[in-house]
């Protein structure tokens, strides 16, 4: 493989990791918001 190929693979992995991290953080935020709403309604 050439250096360019490894660079493309590195970029692809980097962007994939960032996209996955953003998706997970959004899911966690939604879950935390839902739990907060439940606490407020029950209280």
N, C-alpha and C. Protein backbone atom coordinates (compact mmCIF):
# COMPACT_ATOMS: atom_id res chain seq x y z
N UNK A 1 0.84 -1.21 0.00
CA UNK A 1 0.00 0.00 0.00
C UNK A 1 0.88 1.26 0.00
N UNK A 2 0.39 2.30 -0.60
CA UNK A 2 1.13 3.55 -0.63
C UNK A 2 0.76 4.41 0.59
N UNK A 3 1.54 5.44 0.82
CA UNK A 3 1.25 6.31 1.96
C UNK A 3 -0.11 6.97 1.80
N UNK A 4 -0.48 7.29 0.55
CA UNK A 4 -1.78 7.93 0.32
C UNK A 4 -2.91 7.00 0.75
N UNK A 5 -2.77 5.71 0.48
CA UNK A 5 -3.82 4.76 0.87
C UNK A 5 -3.96 4.74 2.38
N UNK A 6 -2.86 4.69 3.09
CA UNK A 6 -2.92 4.67 4.56
C UNK A 6 -3.52 5.97 5.08
N UNK A 7 -3.22 7.08 4.40
CA UNK A 7 -3.78 8.38 4.82
C UNK A 7 -5.30 8.36 4.65
N UNK A 8 -5.77 7.82 3.52
CA UNK A 8 -7.23 7.75 3.31
C UNK A 8 -7.87 6.87 4.36
N UNK A 9 -7.25 5.74 4.67
CA UNK A 9 -7.81 4.82 5.68
C UNK A 9 -7.85 5.54 7.04
N UNK A 10 -6.82 6.27 7.36
CA UNK A 10 -6.78 7.00 8.63
C UNK A 10 -7.88 8.04 8.71
N UNK A 11 -8.06 8.78 7.61
CA UNK A 11 -9.13 9.80 7.59
C UNK A 11 -10.49 9.14 7.72
N UNK A 12 -10.70 8.02 7.01
CA UNK A 12 -11.99 7.34 7.05
C UNK A 12 -12.28 6.86 8.47
N UNK A 13 -11.28 6.26 9.13
CA UNK A 13 -11.47 5.80 10.51
C UNK A 13 -11.75 6.98 11.43
N UNK A 14 -11.04 8.09 11.21
CA UNK A 14 -11.21 9.26 12.06
C UNK A 14 -12.63 9.81 11.95
N UNK A 15 -13.10 9.99 10.71
CA UNK A 15 -14.45 10.53 10.52
C UNK A 15 -15.51 9.56 11.02
N UNK A 16 -15.27 8.27 10.83
CA UNK A 16 -16.22 7.26 11.33
C UNK A 16 -16.30 7.34 12.85
N UNK A 17 -15.16 7.49 13.51
CA UNK A 17 -15.14 7.56 14.98
C UNK A 17 -15.87 8.83 15.44
N UNK A 18 -15.62 9.94 14.77
CA UNK A 18 -16.28 11.21 15.15
C UNK A 18 -17.80 11.08 14.98
N UNK A 19 -18.21 10.50 13.84
CA UNK A 19 -19.65 10.34 13.57
C UNK A 19 -20.29 9.45 14.63
N UNK A 20 -19.62 8.34 14.96
CA UNK A 20 -20.16 7.42 15.96
C UNK A 20 -20.22 8.13 17.33
N UNK A 21 -19.19 8.90 17.67
CA UNK A 21 -19.17 9.60 18.96
C UNK A 21 -20.31 10.61 19.05
N UNK A 22 -20.54 11.34 17.95
CA UNK A 22 -21.64 12.32 17.93
C UNK A 22 -22.98 11.60 18.12
N UNK A 23 -23.17 10.49 17.44
CA UNK A 23 -24.42 9.75 17.55
C UNK A 23 -24.64 9.26 18.98
N UNK A 24 -23.57 8.74 19.59
CA UNK A 24 -23.71 8.23 20.96
C UNK A 24 -24.01 9.36 21.93
N UNK A 25 -23.33 10.49 21.78
CA UNK A 25 -23.55 11.62 22.69
C UNK A 25 -24.99 12.13 22.56
N UNK A 26 -25.52 12.17 21.32
CA UNK A 26 -26.90 12.62 21.13
C UNK A 26 -27.86 11.66 21.80
N UNK A 27 -27.62 10.35 21.67
CA UNK A 27 -28.49 9.37 22.30
C UNK A 27 -28.47 9.54 23.81
N UNK A 28 -27.27 9.75 24.38
CA UNK A 28 -27.15 9.91 25.83
C UNK A 28 -27.90 11.15 26.28
N UNK A 29 -27.79 12.25 25.50
CA UNK A 29 -28.50 13.48 25.87
C UNK A 29 -30.00 13.25 25.87
N UNK A 30 -30.52 12.55 24.85
CA UNK A 30 -31.96 12.29 24.78
C UNK A 30 -32.39 11.43 25.96
N UNK A 31 -31.60 10.41 26.29
CA UNK A 31 -31.95 9.54 27.41
C UNK A 31 -31.96 10.33 28.71
N UNK A 32 -30.97 11.19 28.91
CA UNK A 32 -30.92 11.98 30.14
C UNK A 32 -32.10 12.94 30.21
N UNK A 33 -32.47 13.53 29.07
CA UNK A 33 -33.62 14.45 29.06
C UNK A 33 -34.89 13.70 29.41
N UNK A 34 -35.07 12.49 28.86
CA UNK A 34 -36.27 11.70 29.15
C UNK A 34 -36.33 11.37 30.64
N UNK A 35 -35.20 10.99 31.23
CA UNK A 35 -35.19 10.63 32.65
C UNK A 35 -35.52 11.87 33.49
N UNK A 36 -35.01 13.04 33.08
CA UNK A 36 -35.31 14.26 33.83
C UNK A 36 -36.80 14.57 33.76
N UNK A 37 -37.40 14.41 32.59
CA UNK A 37 -38.83 14.68 32.45
C UNK A 37 -39.63 13.75 33.37
N UNK A 38 -39.24 12.48 33.40
CA UNK A 38 -39.96 11.52 34.25
C UNK A 38 -39.86 11.94 35.71
N UNK A 39 -38.68 12.37 36.14
CA UNK A 39 -38.51 12.78 37.54
C UNK A 39 -39.39 13.99 37.84
N UNK A 40 -39.45 14.94 36.91
CA UNK A 40 -40.26 16.15 37.13
C UNK A 40 -41.74 15.80 37.21
N UNK A 41 -42.22 14.92 36.33
CA UNK A 41 -43.64 14.59 36.33
C UNK A 41 -44.00 13.81 37.59
N UNK A 42 -43.12 12.90 38.01
CA UNK A 42 -43.42 12.09 39.20
C UNK A 42 -43.38 12.98 40.44
N UNK A 43 -42.49 13.96 40.46
CA UNK A 43 -42.35 14.82 41.62
C UNK A 43 -43.46 15.80 41.69
